[in-house]
Amino acid sequence: MVELNSVESLAAWSAWVPLVEAVASAPIEPGVYMAREGAHGPVVYVGMAGERRGRGVRGRLSVYSRGKAAVSGLGEAAMDRALADPAWLRARLAEAEAGRPERAAAWARLALQRSDLHLRWAIAPHPRRRGGPREGSARRVALDRPVEPRQVSLDEFACRTGCSGSYRNTRPARH
């Protein structure tokens, strides 16, 4: 598991803000982002957003907030936790039994609200490579030395943190 302090020096991070504020204020450039539960909770997800039709980090977070990514990344992590919460499931079942069933995207939005996510981000341009992957795709690179605080690429961030758009510590323990 990556310590948060080791990630601090990799980039200039924004302040932590609730998801709804992040969707409105995140940059439209490519970058990396972290999510935690609550204002001071543990980091539950580290992701990256490439050149997404000119929408970068803001575009990726917007997809989550609309409930359109219930089976990938941060949306899936929030949904997994919600589905493991019996009280949350009982509330969804009661809605369905009362004749008010919701669509999957609505459940995904409710799962995100339940998580009380706070996010922060750093701009991390994805360099163009001759003959390499196209801009916006992820490729890991090897780093065997510490880096000085500076702006890092998406690839370097993914390699240093071990998180290339996958979540960690998000699946609840089975009892």
C-alpha atoms as a PDB file:
ATOM      1  CA  MET A   1       0.000   0.000   0.000  1.00  0.00           C
ATOM      2  CA  VAL A   2       1.280   3.446  -0.888  1.00  0.00           C
ATOM      3  CA  GLU A   3       1.609   5.952   1.929  1.00  0.00           C
ATOM      4  CA  LEU A   4      -0.098   9.271   1.257  1.00  0.00           C
ATOM      5  CA  ASN A   5       3.057  11.152   2.246  1.00  0.00           C
ATOM      6  CA  SER A   6       5.018   9.478  -0.561  1.00  0.00           C
ATOM      7  CA  VAL A   7       2.455  10.707  -3.098  1.00  0.00           C
ATOM      8  CA  GLU A   8       2.464  14.290  -1.782  1.00  0.00           C
ATOM      9  CA  SER A   9       5.855  15.044  -3.323  1.00  0.00           C
ATOM     10  CA  LEU A  10       4.915  13.830  -6.797  1.00  0.00           C
ATOM     11  CA  ALA A  11       2.800  16.823  -7.804  1.00  0.00           C
ATOM     12  CA  ALA A  12       1.162  20.072  -6.769  1.00  0.00           C
ATOM     13  CA  TRP A  13      -2.173  18.894  -5.374  1.00  0.00           C
ATOM     14  CA  SER A  14      -5.396  20.873  -5.083  1.00  0.00           C
ATOM     15  CA  ALA A  15      -7.203  21.164  -1.772  1.00  0.00           C
ATOM     16  CA  TRP A  16      -9.622  18.383  -0.825  1.00  0.00           C
ATOM     17  CA  VAL A  17     -13.198  19.248  -1.867  1.00  0.00           C
ATOM     18  CA  PRO A  18     -16.520  17.360  -1.880  1.00  0.00           C
ATOM     19  CA  LEU A  19     -17.327  15.521  -5.116  1.00  0.00           C
ATOM     20  CA  VAL A  20     -19.967  18.048  -6.189  1.00  0.00           C
ATOM     21  CA  GLU A  21     -17.406  20.893  -5.923  1.00  0.00           C
ATOM     22  CA  ALA A  22     -14.742  18.805  -7.660  1.00  0.00           C
ATOM     23  CA  VAL A  23     -17.006  18.255 -10.666  1.00  0.00           C
ATOM     24  CA  ALA A  24     -17.435  22.011 -11.007  1.00  0.00           C
ATOM     25  CA  SER A  25     -13.854  23.095 -10.342  1.00  0.00           C
ATOM     26  CA  ALA A  26     -11.516  20.297 -11.481  1.00  0.00           C
ATOM     27  CA  PRO A  27      -9.267  21.146 -14.431  1.00  0.00           C
ATOM     28  CA  ILE A  28     -10.078  20.173 -17.988  1.00  0.00           C
ATOM     29  CA  GLU A  29      -6.467  19.073 -18.475  1.00  0.00           C
ATOM     30  CA  PRO A  30      -5.263  15.480 -18.017  1.00  0.00           C
ATOM     31  CA  GLY A  31      -4.298  14.635 -14.473  1.00  0.00           C
ATOM     32  CA  VAL A  32      -4.507  12.348 -11.506  1.00  0.00           C
ATOM     33  CA  TYR A  33      -6.997  12.409  -8.671  1.00  0.00           C
ATOM     34  CA  MET A  34      -7.521  10.854  -5.256  1.00  0.00           C
ATOM     35  CA  ALA A  35     -10.785  10.198  -3.455  1.00  0.00           C
ATOM     36  CA  ARG A  36     -11.356   9.647   0.220  1.00  0.00           C
ATOM     37  CA  GLU A  37     -14.441   8.897   2.259  1.00  0.00           C
ATOM     38  CA  GLY A  38     -15.465  11.926   4.272  1.00  0.00           C
ATOM     39  CA  ALA A  39     -13.515  15.092   4.832  1.00  0.00           C
ATOM     40  CA  HIS A  40     -10.743  13.326   6.752  1.00  0.00           C
ATOM     41  CA  GLY A  41     -11.244   9.660   5.902  1.00  0.00           C
ATOM     42  CA  PRO A  42      -8.859   7.221   4.248  1.00  0.00           C
ATOM     43  CA  VAL A  43      -7.963   7.426   0.573  1.00  0.00           C
ATOM     44  CA  VAL A  44     -10.091   4.804  -1.169  1.00  0.00           C
ATOM     45  CA  TYR A  45      -9.309   5.465  -4.805  1.00  0.00           C
ATOM     46  CA  VAL A  46      -6.525   6.878  -6.972  1.00  0.00           C
ATOM     47  CA  GLY A  47      -7.253   7.409 -10.627  1.00  0.00           C
ATOM     48  CA  MET A  48      -6.072   9.229 -13.690  1.00  0.00           C
ATOM     49  CA  ALA A  49      -7.856  11.024 -16.473  1.00  0.00           C
ATOM     50  CA  GLY A  50      -6.277  11.505 -19.852  1.00  0.00           C
ATOM     51  CA  GLU A  51      -7.244  13.709 -22.734  1.00  0.00           C
ATOM     52  CA  ARG A  52     -10.976  12.969 -22.627  1.00  0.00           C
ATOM     53  CA  ARG A  53     -12.288  14.989 -25.554  1.00  0.00           C
ATOM     54  CA  GLY A  54     -10.756  18.085 -23.982  1.00  0.00           C
ATOM     55  CA  ARG A  55     -12.396  17.517 -20.604  1.00  0.00           C
ATOM     56  CA  GLY A  56      -9.568  15.910 -18.569  1.00  0.00           C
ATOM     57  CA  VAL A  57     -10.113  15.389 -14.844  1.00  0.00           C
ATOM     58  CA  ARG A  58     -13.367  17.374 -14.826  1.00  0.00           C
ATOM     59  CA  GLY A  59     -14.795  15.201 -17.592  1.00  0.00           C
ATOM     60  CA  ARG A  60     -13.950  11.983 -15.774  1.00  0.00           C
ATOM     61  CA  LEU A  61     -15.447  13.171 -12.480  1.00  0.00           C
ATOM     62  CA  SER A  62     -18.528  14.398 -14.325  1.00  0.00           C
ATOM     63  CA  VAL A  63     -19.103  10.905 -15.740  1.00  0.00           C
ATOM     64  CA  TYR A  64     -19.022   9.497 -12.211  1.00  0.00           C
ATOM     65  CA  SER A  65     -21.348  12.153 -10.782  1.00  0.00           C
ATOM     66  CA  ARG A  66     -23.977  11.428 -13.452  1.00  0.00           C
ATOM     67  CA  GLY A  67     -23.959   7.728 -12.518  1.00  0.00           C
ATOM     68  CA  LYS A  68     -22.649   6.714 -15.933  1.00  0.00           C
ATOM     69  CA  ALA A  69     -19.674   4.742 -14.638  1.00  0.00           C
ATOM     70  CA  ALA A  70     -21.215   2.277 -12.176  1.00  0.00           C
ATOM     71  CA  VAL A  71     -19.018  -0.570 -13.402  1.00  0.00           C
ATOM     72  CA  SER A  72     -15.654   1.122 -13.720  1.00  0.00           C
ATOM     73  CA  GLY A  73     -13.207   2.907 -11.491  1.00  0.00           C
ATOM     74  CA  LEU A  74     -14.477   5.162  -8.744  1.00  0.00           C
ATOM     75  CA  GLY A  75     -18.115   4.474  -9.616  1.00  0.00           C
ATOM     76  CA  GLU A  76     -17.589   0.742  -9.243  1.00  0.00           C
ATOM     77  CA  ALA A  77     -15.739   1.223  -5.949  1.00  0.00           C
ATOM     78  CA  ALA A  78     -18.611   3.289  -4.529  1.00  0.00           C
ATOM     79  CA  MET A  79     -21.184   0.802  -5.821  1.00  0.00           C
ATOM     80  CA  ASP A  80     -19.296  -2.164  -4.298  1.00  0.00           C
ATOM     81  CA  ARG A  81     -19.324  -0.509  -0.885  1.00  0.00           C
ATOM     82  CA  ALA A  82     -22.986   0.460  -1.150  1.00  0.00           C
ATOM     83  CA  LEU A  83     -24.004  -3.065  -2.179  1.00  0.00           C
ATOM     84  CA  ALA A  84     -22.185  -4.424   0.875  1.00  0.00           C
ATOM     85  CA  ASP A  85     -24.239  -2.146   3.173  1.00  0.00           C
ATOM     86  CA  PRO A  86     -27.453  -3.936   4.260  1.00  0.00           C
ATOM     87  CA  ALA A  87     -29.169  -0.664   5.254  1.00  0.00           C
ATOM     88  CA  TRP A  88     -28.491   0.869   1.830  1.00  0.00           C
ATOM     89  CA  LEU A  89     -29.798  -2.258   0.112  1.00  0.00           C
ATOM     90  CA  ARG A  90     -32.936  -2.316   2.305  1.00  0.00           C
ATOM     91  CA  ALA A  91     -33.664   1.294   1.300  1.00  0.00           C
ATOM     92  CA  ARG A  92     -33.333   0.431  -2.414  1.00  0.00           C
ATOM     93  CA  LEU A  93     -35.533  -2.667  -1.939  1.00  0.00           C
ATOM     94  CA  ALA A  94     -38.179  -0.613  -0.107  1.00  0.00           C
ATOM     95  CA  GLU A  95     -38.240   1.847  -3.019  1.00  0.00           C
ATOM     96  CA  ALA A  96     -38.752  -0.985  -5.504  1.00  0.00           C
ATOM     97  CA  GLU A  97     -41.440  -2.646  -3.383  1.00  0.00           C
ATOM     98  CA  ALA A  98     -43.263   0.714  -3.120  1.00  0.00           C
ATOM     99  CA  GLY A  99     -43.374   0.879  -6.903  1.00  0.00           C
ATOM    100  CA  ARG A 100     -40.551   3.436  -7.207  1.00  0.00           C
ATOM    101  CA  PRO A 101     -37.716   1.377  -8.716  1.00  0.00           C
ATOM    102  CA  GLU A 102     -34.704   3.344  -9.944  1.00  0.00           C
ATOM    103  CA  ARG A 103     -32.470   2.830 -12.938  1.00  0.00           C
ATOM    104  CA  ALA A 104     -28.854   1.694 -12.533  1.00  0.00           C
ATOM    105  CA  ALA A 105     -27.483   5.225 -13.079  1.00  0.00           C
ATOM    106  CA  ALA A 106     -29.645   6.521 -10.211  1.00  0.00           C
ATOM    107  CA  TRP A 107     -28.337   3.772  -7.938  1.00  0.00           C
ATOM    108  CA  ALA A 108     -24.780   4.689  -8.939  1.00  0.00           C
ATOM    109  CA  ARG A 109     -25.430   8.344  -8.003  1.00  0.00           C
ATOM    110  CA  LEU A 110     -26.900   7.240  -4.663  1.00  0.00           C
ATOM    111  CA  ALA A 111     -23.871   5.033  -4.029  1.00  0.00           C
ATOM    112  CA  LEU A 112     -21.569   8.026  -4.599  1.00  0.00           C
ATOM    113  CA  GLN A 113     -23.663  10.184  -2.255  1.00  0.00           C
ATOM    114  CA  ARG A 114     -23.503   7.450   0.383  1.00  0.00           C
ATOM    115  CA  SER A 115     -19.702   7.469   0.170  1.00  0.00           C
ATOM    116  CA  ASP A 116     -19.419  11.206   0.967  1.00  0.00           C
ATOM    117  CA  LEU A 117     -16.406  11.414  -1.340  1.00  0.00           C
ATOM    118  CA  HIS A 118     -13.882  14.231  -1.158  1.00  0.00           C
ATOM    119  CA  LEU A 119     -11.370  14.591  -3.971  1.00  0.00           C
ATOM    120  CA  ARG A 120      -8.211  16.378  -4.919  1.00  0.00           C
ATOM    121  CA  TRP A 121      -6.231  16.388  -8.132  1.00  0.00           C
ATOM    122  CA  ALA A 122      -3.008  17.364  -9.811  1.00  0.00           C
ATOM    123  CA  ILE A 123      -2.441  18.221 -13.446  1.00  0.00           C
ATOM    124  CA  ALA A 124      -0.184  15.621 -15.023  1.00  0.00           C
ATOM    125  CA  PRO A 125       0.212  15.966 -18.777  1.00  0.00           C
ATOM    126  CA  HIS A 126       0.464  12.806 -20.807  1.00  0.00           C
ATOM    127  CA  PRO A 127       3.417  13.202 -23.170  1.00  0.00           C
ATOM    128  CA  ARG A 128       3.205  12.331 -26.849  1.00  0.00           C
ATOM    129  CA  ARG A 129       5.529   9.525 -27.837  1.00  0.00           C
ATOM    130  CA  ARG A 130       6.745   8.843 -31.354  1.00  0.00           C
ATOM    131  CA  GLY A 131       5.768   5.328 -32.229  1.00  0.00           C
ATOM    132  CA  GLY A 132       4.329   4.777 -28.755  1.00  0.00           C
ATOM    133  CA  PRO A 133       0.827   4.695 -27.381  1.00  0.00           C
ATOM    134  CA  ARG A 134      -1.529   7.421 -28.526  1.00  0.00           C
ATOM    135  CA  GLU A 135      -2.136  10.374 -26.253  1.00  0.00           C
ATOM    136  CA  GLY A 136      -4.581   9.543 -23.486  1.00  0.00           C
ATOM    137  CA  SER A 137      -3.650   5.892 -23.156  1.00  0.00           C
ATOM    138  CA  ALA A 138      -1.804   4.592 -20.136  1.00  0.00           C
ATOM    139  CA  ARG A 139       1.587   2.915 -20.186  1.00  0.00           C
ATOM    140  CA  ARG A 140       3.652   2.103 -17.114  1.00  0.00           C
ATOM    141  CA  VAL A 141       7.288   3.121 -16.943  1.00  0.00           C
ATOM    142  CA  ALA A 142       9.924   1.862 -14.557  1.00  0.00           C
ATOM    143  CA  LEU A 143      11.270   4.218 -11.907  1.00  0.00           C
ATOM    144  CA  ASP A 144      13.937   2.936  -9.575  1.00  0.00           C
ATOM    145  CA  ARG A 145      14.788   6.221  -7.908  1.00  0.00           C
ATOM    146  CA  PRO A 146      12.870   8.782  -5.862  1.00  0.00           C
ATOM    147  CA  VAL A 147      11.753  11.884  -7.706  1.00  0.00           C
ATOM    148  CA  GLU A 148      12.001  15.497  -6.654  1.00  0.00           C
ATOM    149  CA  PRO A 149       8.726  17.422  -6.220  1.00  0.00           C
ATOM    150  CA  ARG A 150       7.647  18.456  -9.704  1.00  0.00           C
ATOM    151  CA  GLN A 151       4.930  17.941 -12.256  1.00  0.00           C
ATOM    152  CA  VAL A 152       4.833  14.272 -13.215  1.00  0.00           C
ATOM    153  CA  SER A 153       3.283  12.476 -16.156  1.00  0.00           C
ATOM    154  CA  LEU A 154       0.279  10.194 -15.810  1.00  0.00           C
ATOM    155  CA  ASP A 155       2.476   7.193 -16.545  1.00  0.00           C
ATOM    156  CA  GLU A 156       5.007   8.119 -13.885  1.00  0.00           C
ATOM    157  CA  PHE A 157       2.285   8.718 -11.315  1.00  0.00           C
ATOM    158  CA  ALA A 158       0.673   5.373 -12.090  1.00  0.00           C
ATOM    159  CA  CYS A 159       3.986   3.597 -11.749  1.00  0.00           C
ATOM    160  CA  ARG A 160       5.005   5.351  -8.524  1.00  0.00           C
ATOM    161  CA  THR A 161       1.671   4.772  -6.791  1.00  0.00           C
ATOM    162  CA  GLY A 162       0.858   1.377  -8.248  1.00  0.00           C
ATOM    163  CA  CYS A 163      -2.554   2.799  -9.135  1.00  0.00           C
ATOM    164  CA  SER A 164      -3.377   3.181 -12.784  1.00  0.00           C
ATOM    165  CA  GLY A 165      -7.053   3.857 -12.532  1.00  0.00           C
ATOM    166  CA  SER A 166      -7.752   0.937 -10.255  1.00  0.00           C
ATOM    167  CA  TYR A 167      -9.129   1.253  -6.772  1.00  0.00           C
ATOM    168  CA  ARG A 168      -7.669  -0.056  -3.586  1.00  0.00           C
ATOM    169  CA  ASN A 169      -9.049  -0.648  -0.109  1.00  0.00           C
ATOM    170  CA  THR A 170     -12.548  -0.302  -1.449  1.00  0.00           C
ATOM    171  CA  ARG A 171     -13.897  -3.800  -1.245  1.00  0.00           C
ATOM    172  CA  PRO A 172     -15.450  -4.401   2.168  1.00  0.00           C
ATOM    173  CA  ALA A 173     -14.268  -7.375   4.180  1.00  0.00           C
ATOM    174  CA  ARG A 174     -16.499 -10.423   3.913  1.00  0.00           C
ATOM    175  CA  HIS A 175     -17.910 -11.686   7.188  1.00  0.00           C
END
